[in-house]
Structures are given as structure tokens and as C-alpha cells.
Amino acid sequence: MTNEELQKLVEQISLDSFHRPFLHRAVFNPRLRTTGGRYLLITHALEFNNRQLQHFGIESFVKIIKHELCHYHLHLLGMGYRHRDADFRTLLAKVGGSRYCEAIPHARTRSSVRYDYQCAVCGAHFRRKRKLDTKRYVCGTCGGSIRLISKRRINK
């Protein structure tokens, strides 16, 4: 689905479910990772996660669109548009939008680096995710200097 097709779909759902026009921009945002979509308060634009459409299909995606349109229409009407507001909850239930989106399996795999340090005086070991400046830090046990022993890459 392209951004133009998404725009038309959002406009149609807005008219069918909310009986109000959608007058702003709806686009796919590839940077969204943990959310199905978001409503931008300042520009009134809607952004959607295209992976939700790919993994869970159009039925689930339409529920996400309805969720974001609830934020949109309630905000423009000056009503409670936040998740905790009663106006939002009642409108969401009325139009059949989803409260939460499903988690995408293996959405992101990261590799992290583990640094192993050792005190030169007492031999204490330190494992860190971040690299330490060995000139700046000393051993917390004895105050001796710290040296880098190994750097390992670990895939998560």
C-alpha cells in the first residue's frame, strides 16, 4: 500500500465511521517500531507503522486507523483525546477501534558489545555495555587502575 492509498483509506474510514472528514495528512512512517500509529498534535497528521499491515493484515490495520482517528477527531473537537479520557474510550468502543496493537515478532535485532575490564591491582572484573574511559575511572574496591581485557560482540 502506498501513502496515497493510505490517505484515501483513512479519509474513507473517517467518513464511514466518524461521519466527519479527515482533512490532514496520513503517511507511513518506517521509523515507528513499537506502536501501530501516532497522531501529531501540532500538524494533525497521522503516521502509521507499515509493518503492522504486513504482519497482521488489513482488518487489524483498520482498527489502528480508527484508534488514531479517535485521537484526531476528539482533539479537533476540544474533547478528551487521551487514552485515559472517557470521551476517547467511549468513541473508540463505538467505532470498533483497537485499544492496543499487537507486538511485531522480532521487530528489531540489535547487536551489543560487551566490554570486560580488570583492575590492575586487585584483579576485580567489571563487565559493561558501554566503553569506559580507563584514564578517568578507577577500581571501586581498591582505587587501582582499570584496563580493558576484551571486547565481545553479542547478537540479541
C-alpha atoms as a PDB file:
ATOM      1  CA  MET A   1       0.000   0.000   0.000  1.00  0.00           C
ATOM      2  CA  THR A   2       1.331   3.427  -0.906  1.00  0.00           C
ATOM      3  CA  ASN A   3       0.930   6.681   1.004  1.00  0.00           C
ATOM      4  CA  GLU A   4      -1.705   7.835  -1.492  1.00  0.00           C
ATOM      5  CA  GLU A   5      -3.747   4.665  -0.976  1.00  0.00           C
ATOM      6  CA  LEU A   6      -3.354   5.055   2.788  1.00  0.00           C
ATOM      7  CA  GLN A   7      -4.592   8.659   2.575  1.00  0.00           C
ATOM      8  CA  LYS A   8      -7.706   7.551   0.665  1.00  0.00           C
ATOM      9  CA  LEU A   9      -8.351   4.691   3.095  1.00  0.00           C
ATOM     10  CA  VAL A  10      -8.090   6.979   6.130  1.00  0.00           C
ATOM     11  CA  GLU A  11     -10.399   9.537   4.516  1.00  0.00           C
ATOM     12  CA  GLN A  12     -12.957   6.818   3.720  1.00  0.00           C
ATOM     13  CA  ILE A  13     -12.852   5.303   7.222  1.00  0.00           C
ATOM     14  CA  SER A  14     -13.234   8.768   8.714  1.00  0.00           C
ATOM     15  CA  LEU A  15     -16.371   9.430   6.693  1.00  0.00           C
ATOM     16  CA  ASP A  16     -17.871   5.960   7.229  1.00  0.00           C
ATOM     17  CA  SER A  17     -17.172   5.515  10.943  1.00  0.00           C
ATOM     18  CA  PHE A  18     -16.997   9.073  12.291  1.00  0.00           C
ATOM     19  CA  HIS A  19     -19.205  10.936   9.761  1.00  0.00           C
ATOM     20  CA  ARG A  20     -16.565  13.666   9.675  1.00  0.00           C
ATOM     21  CA  PRO A  21     -13.930  14.392   7.005  1.00  0.00           C
ATOM     22  CA  PHE A  22     -10.235  13.805   7.536  1.00  0.00           C
ATOM     23  CA  LEU A  23      -8.582  16.993   6.265  1.00  0.00           C
ATOM     24  CA  HIS A  24      -4.922  16.395   7.023  1.00  0.00           C
ATOM     25  CA  ARG A  25      -2.090  14.076   6.004  1.00  0.00           C
ATOM     26  CA  ALA A  26      -1.772  10.333   6.640  1.00  0.00           C
ATOM     27  CA  VAL A  27       1.534   8.603   5.835  1.00  0.00           C
ATOM     28  CA  PHE A  28       3.566   5.535   6.641  1.00  0.00           C
ATOM     29  CA  ASN A  29       6.497   6.204   8.968  1.00  0.00           C
ATOM     30  CA  PRO A  30       9.152   3.470   8.700  1.00  0.00           C
ATOM     31  CA  ARG A  31      10.810   4.651  11.917  1.00  0.00           C
ATOM     32  CA  LEU A  32       7.886   3.552  14.090  1.00  0.00           C
ATOM     33  CA  ARG A  33       8.888   0.379  15.932  1.00  0.00           C
ATOM     34  CA  THR A  34       6.700  -0.307  18.947  1.00  0.00           C
ATOM     35  CA  THR A  35       3.478   1.451  18.043  1.00  0.00           C
ATOM     36  CA  GLY A  36       0.886   0.947  15.331  1.00  0.00           C
ATOM     37  CA  GLY A  37       0.457   4.635  14.642  1.00  0.00           C
ATOM     38  CA  ARG A  38       0.521   8.090  16.116  1.00  0.00           C
ATOM     39  CA  TYR A  39      -1.380  11.349  15.953  1.00  0.00           C
ATOM     40  CA  LEU A  40       0.722  14.513  15.813  1.00  0.00           C
ATOM     41  CA  LEU A  41      -0.966  17.258  17.839  1.00  0.00           C
ATOM     42  CA  ILE A  42       0.690  20.224  16.148  1.00  0.00           C
ATOM     43  CA  THR A  43       0.259  19.264  12.477  1.00  0.00           C
ATOM     44  CA  HIS A  44      -2.797  16.995  12.967  1.00  0.00           C
ATOM     45  CA  ALA A  45      -1.103  14.405  10.748  1.00  0.00           C
ATOM     46  CA  LEU A  46      -1.405  10.657  11.254  1.00  0.00           C
ATOM     47  CA  GLU A  47       1.582   8.348  10.919  1.00  0.00           C
ATOM     48  CA  PHE A  48       1.295   4.570  10.681  1.00  0.00           C
ATOM     49  CA  ASN A  49       3.607   1.602  11.032  1.00  0.00           C
ATOM     50  CA  ASN A  50       3.559  -0.297   7.725  1.00  0.00           C
ATOM     51  CA  ARG A  51       4.845  -3.463   9.434  1.00  0.00           C
ATOM     52  CA  GLN A  52       1.518  -3.759  11.261  1.00  0.00           C
ATOM     53  CA  LEU A  53      -0.217  -4.018   7.895  1.00  0.00           C
ATOM     54  CA  GLN A  54       2.294  -6.537   6.574  1.00  0.00           C
ATOM     55  CA  HIS A  55       2.221  -8.829   9.619  1.00  0.00           C
ATOM     56  CA  PHE A  56      -1.402  -8.712  10.770  1.00  0.00           C
ATOM     57  CA  GLY A  57      -3.463  -7.780   7.708  1.00  0.00           C
ATOM     58  CA  ILE A  58      -5.937  -5.112   6.742  1.00  0.00           C
ATOM     59  CA  GLU A  59      -8.565  -5.893   9.424  1.00  0.00           C
ATOM     60  CA  SER A  60      -6.150  -5.219  12.250  1.00  0.00           C
ATOM     61  CA  PHE A  61      -4.754  -2.182  10.441  1.00  0.00           C
ATOM     62  CA  VAL A  62      -8.224  -0.641  10.045  1.00  0.00           C
ATOM     63  CA  LYS A  63      -8.656  -0.878  13.833  1.00  0.00           C
ATOM     64  CA  ILE A  64      -5.381   1.005  14.286  1.00  0.00           C
ATOM     65  CA  ILE A  65      -6.578   3.683  11.845  1.00  0.00           C
ATOM     66  CA  LYS A  66      -9.815   4.043  13.834  1.00  0.00           C
ATOM     67  CA  HIS A  67      -7.795   4.392  17.044  1.00  0.00           C
ATOM     68  CA  GLU A  68      -5.731   7.233  15.603  1.00  0.00           C
ATOM     69  CA  LEU A  69      -8.802   8.881  14.085  1.00  0.00           C
ATOM     70  CA  CYS A  70     -10.363   8.911  17.563  1.00  0.00           C
ATOM     71  CA  HIS A  71      -7.401  10.976  18.764  1.00  0.00           C
ATOM     72  CA  TYR A  72      -7.700  13.212  15.705  1.00  0.00           C
ATOM     73  CA  HIS A  73     -11.419  13.980  15.824  1.00  0.00           C
ATOM     74  CA  LEU A  74     -11.639  14.361  19.609  1.00  0.00           C
ATOM     75  CA  HIS A  75      -8.665  16.736  19.665  1.00  0.00           C
ATOM     76  CA  LEU A  76     -10.148  18.906  16.930  1.00  0.00           C
ATOM     77  CA  LEU A  77     -13.496  18.965  18.750  1.00  0.00           C
ATOM     78  CA  GLY A  78     -11.828  20.045  22.000  1.00  0.00           C
ATOM     79  CA  MET A  79     -12.824  16.881  23.843  1.00  0.00           C
ATOM     80  CA  GLY A  80     -10.735  14.374  25.805  1.00  0.00           C
ATOM     81  CA  TYR A  81      -8.430  12.793  23.228  1.00  0.00           C
ATOM     82  CA  ARG A  82      -6.003  10.997  25.567  1.00  0.00           C
ATOM     83  CA  HIS A  83      -6.133   7.261  26.278  1.00  0.00           C
ATOM     84  CA  ARG A  84      -7.301   7.824  29.851  1.00  0.00           C
ATOM     85  CA  ASP A  85     -10.194  10.144  28.926  1.00  0.00           C
ATOM     86  CA  ALA A  86     -13.762   8.856  28.997  1.00  0.00           C
ATOM     87  CA  ASP A  87     -14.571  10.583  25.688  1.00  0.00           C
ATOM     88  CA  PHE A  88     -11.781   8.659  23.980  1.00  0.00           C
ATOM     89  CA  ARG A  89     -12.773   5.310  25.446  1.00  0.00           C
ATOM     90  CA  THR A  90     -16.442   5.633  24.556  1.00  0.00           C
ATOM     91  CA  LEU A  91     -15.743   6.765  20.979  1.00  0.00           C
ATOM     92  CA  LEU A  92     -13.185   4.000  20.490  1.00  0.00           C
ATOM     93  CA  ALA A  93     -15.702   1.392  21.644  1.00  0.00           C
ATOM     94  CA  LYS A  94     -18.409   2.922  19.446  1.00  0.00           C
ATOM     95  CA  VAL A  95     -16.378   2.784  16.222  1.00  0.00           C
ATOM     96  CA  GLY A  96     -14.677  -0.540  16.986  1.00  0.00           C
ATOM     97  CA  GLY A  97     -11.078   0.591  17.106  1.00  0.00           C
ATOM     98  CA  SER A  98      -8.333  -1.349  18.837  1.00  0.00           C
ATOM     99  CA  ARG A  99      -7.116  -0.287  22.252  1.00  0.00           C
ATOM    100  CA  TYR A 100      -3.642  -1.750  21.684  1.00  0.00           C
ATOM    101  CA  CYS A 101      -1.798  -3.040  18.651  1.00  0.00           C
ATOM    102  CA  GLU A 102      -0.179  -6.450  18.529  1.00  0.00           C
ATOM    103  CA  ALA A 103       3.560  -6.743  19.024  1.00  0.00           C
ATOM    104  CA  ILE A 104       5.514  -7.473  15.869  1.00  0.00           C
ATOM    105  CA  PRO A 105       7.618 -10.610  16.326  1.00  0.00           C
ATOM    106  CA  HIS A 106      11.344  -9.943  16.098  1.00  0.00           C
ATOM    107  CA  ALA A 107      10.781  -6.329  15.141  1.00  0.00           C
ATOM    108  CA  ARG A 108      14.374  -5.411  15.753  1.00  0.00           C
ATOM    109  CA  THR A 109      17.542  -7.384  16.364  1.00  0.00           C
ATOM    110  CA  ARG A 110      20.405  -5.494  17.851  1.00  0.00           C
ATOM    111  CA  SER A 111      23.946  -6.481  18.435  1.00  0.00           C
ATOM    112  CA  SER A 112      25.534  -5.157  21.555  1.00  0.00           C
ATOM    113  CA  VAL A 113      29.125  -5.052  22.611  1.00  0.00           C
ATOM    114  CA  ARG A 114      30.290  -6.227  25.996  1.00  0.00           C
ATOM    115  CA  TYR A 115      33.448  -4.775  27.444  1.00  0.00           C
ATOM    116  CA  ASP A 116      35.409  -6.715  30.052  1.00  0.00           C
ATOM    117  CA  TYR A 117      37.660  -4.729  32.369  1.00  0.00           C
ATOM    118  CA  GLN A 118      40.003  -5.800  35.149  1.00  0.00           C
ATOM    119  CA  CYS A 119      41.676  -3.921  37.957  1.00  0.00           C
ATOM    120  CA  ALA A 120      45.470  -3.969  37.650  1.00  0.00           C
ATOM    121  CA  VAL A 121      45.936  -4.048  41.451  1.00  0.00           C
ATOM    122  CA  CYS A 122      43.301  -6.333  42.997  1.00  0.00           C
ATOM    123  CA  GLY A 123      42.175  -8.213  39.860  1.00  0.00           C
ATOM    124  CA  ALA A 124      38.449  -7.378  40.195  1.00  0.00           C
ATOM    125  CA  HIS A 125      36.436  -7.898  36.990  1.00  0.00           C
ATOM    126  CA  PHE A 126      33.938  -5.441  35.523  1.00  0.00           C
ATOM    127  CA  ARG A 127      31.557  -6.094  32.624  1.00  0.00           C
ATOM    128  CA  ARG A 128      29.967  -3.139  30.880  1.00  0.00           C
ATOM    129  CA  LYS A 129      27.771  -2.467  27.853  1.00  0.00           C
ATOM    130  CA  ARG A 130      29.386   0.910  27.376  1.00  0.00           C
ATOM    131  CA  LYS A 131      33.038   1.618  26.936  1.00  0.00           C
ATOM    132  CA  LEU A 132      34.796   3.194  29.924  1.00  0.00           C
ATOM    133  CA  ASP A 133      37.487   5.829  29.806  1.00  0.00           C
ATOM    134  CA  THR A 134      40.186   3.918  31.694  1.00  0.00           C
ATOM    135  CA  LYS A 135      42.150   7.106  32.323  1.00  0.00           C
ATOM    136  CA  ARG A 136      39.208   8.689  34.105  1.00  0.00           C
ATOM    137  CA  TYR A 137      37.824   5.809  36.194  1.00  0.00           C
ATOM    138  CA  VAL A 138      39.466   3.651  38.836  1.00  0.00           C
ATOM    139  CA  CYS A 139      38.544   0.448  40.655  1.00  0.00           C
ATOM    140  CA  GLY A 140      35.779   0.950  43.216  1.00  0.00           C
ATOM    141  CA  THR A 141      37.284  -1.663  45.531  1.00  0.00           C
ATOM    142  CA  CYS A 142      40.909  -0.624  45.836  1.00  0.00           C
ATOM    143  CA  GLY A 143      41.333   2.516  43.728  1.00  0.00           C
ATOM    144  CA  GLY A 144      43.699   0.825  41.282  1.00  0.00           C
ATOM    145  CA  SER A 145      43.799   1.481  37.566  1.00  0.00           C
ATOM    146  CA  ILE A 146      41.419  -0.336  35.210  1.00  0.00           C
ATOM    147  CA  ARG A 147      42.427  -1.948  31.921  1.00  0.00           C
ATOM    148  CA  LEU A 148      40.405  -3.358  29.042  1.00  0.00           C
ATOM    149  CA  ILE A 149      40.663  -7.138  28.780  1.00  0.00           C
ATOM    150  CA  SER A 150      38.310  -7.998  25.931  1.00  0.00           C
ATOM    151  CA  LYS A 151      35.628  -6.606  23.643  1.00  0.00           C
ATOM    152  CA  ARG A 152      32.927  -9.049  22.507  1.00  0.00           C
ATOM    153  CA  ARG A 153      30.024  -8.587  20.093  1.00  0.00           C
ATOM    154  CA  ILE A 154      26.803 -10.280  21.230  1.00  0.00           C
ATOM    155  CA  ASN A 155      23.728 -10.588  18.964  1.00  0.00           C
ATOM    156  CA  LYS A 156      20.378 -10.211  20.673  1.00  0.00           C
END
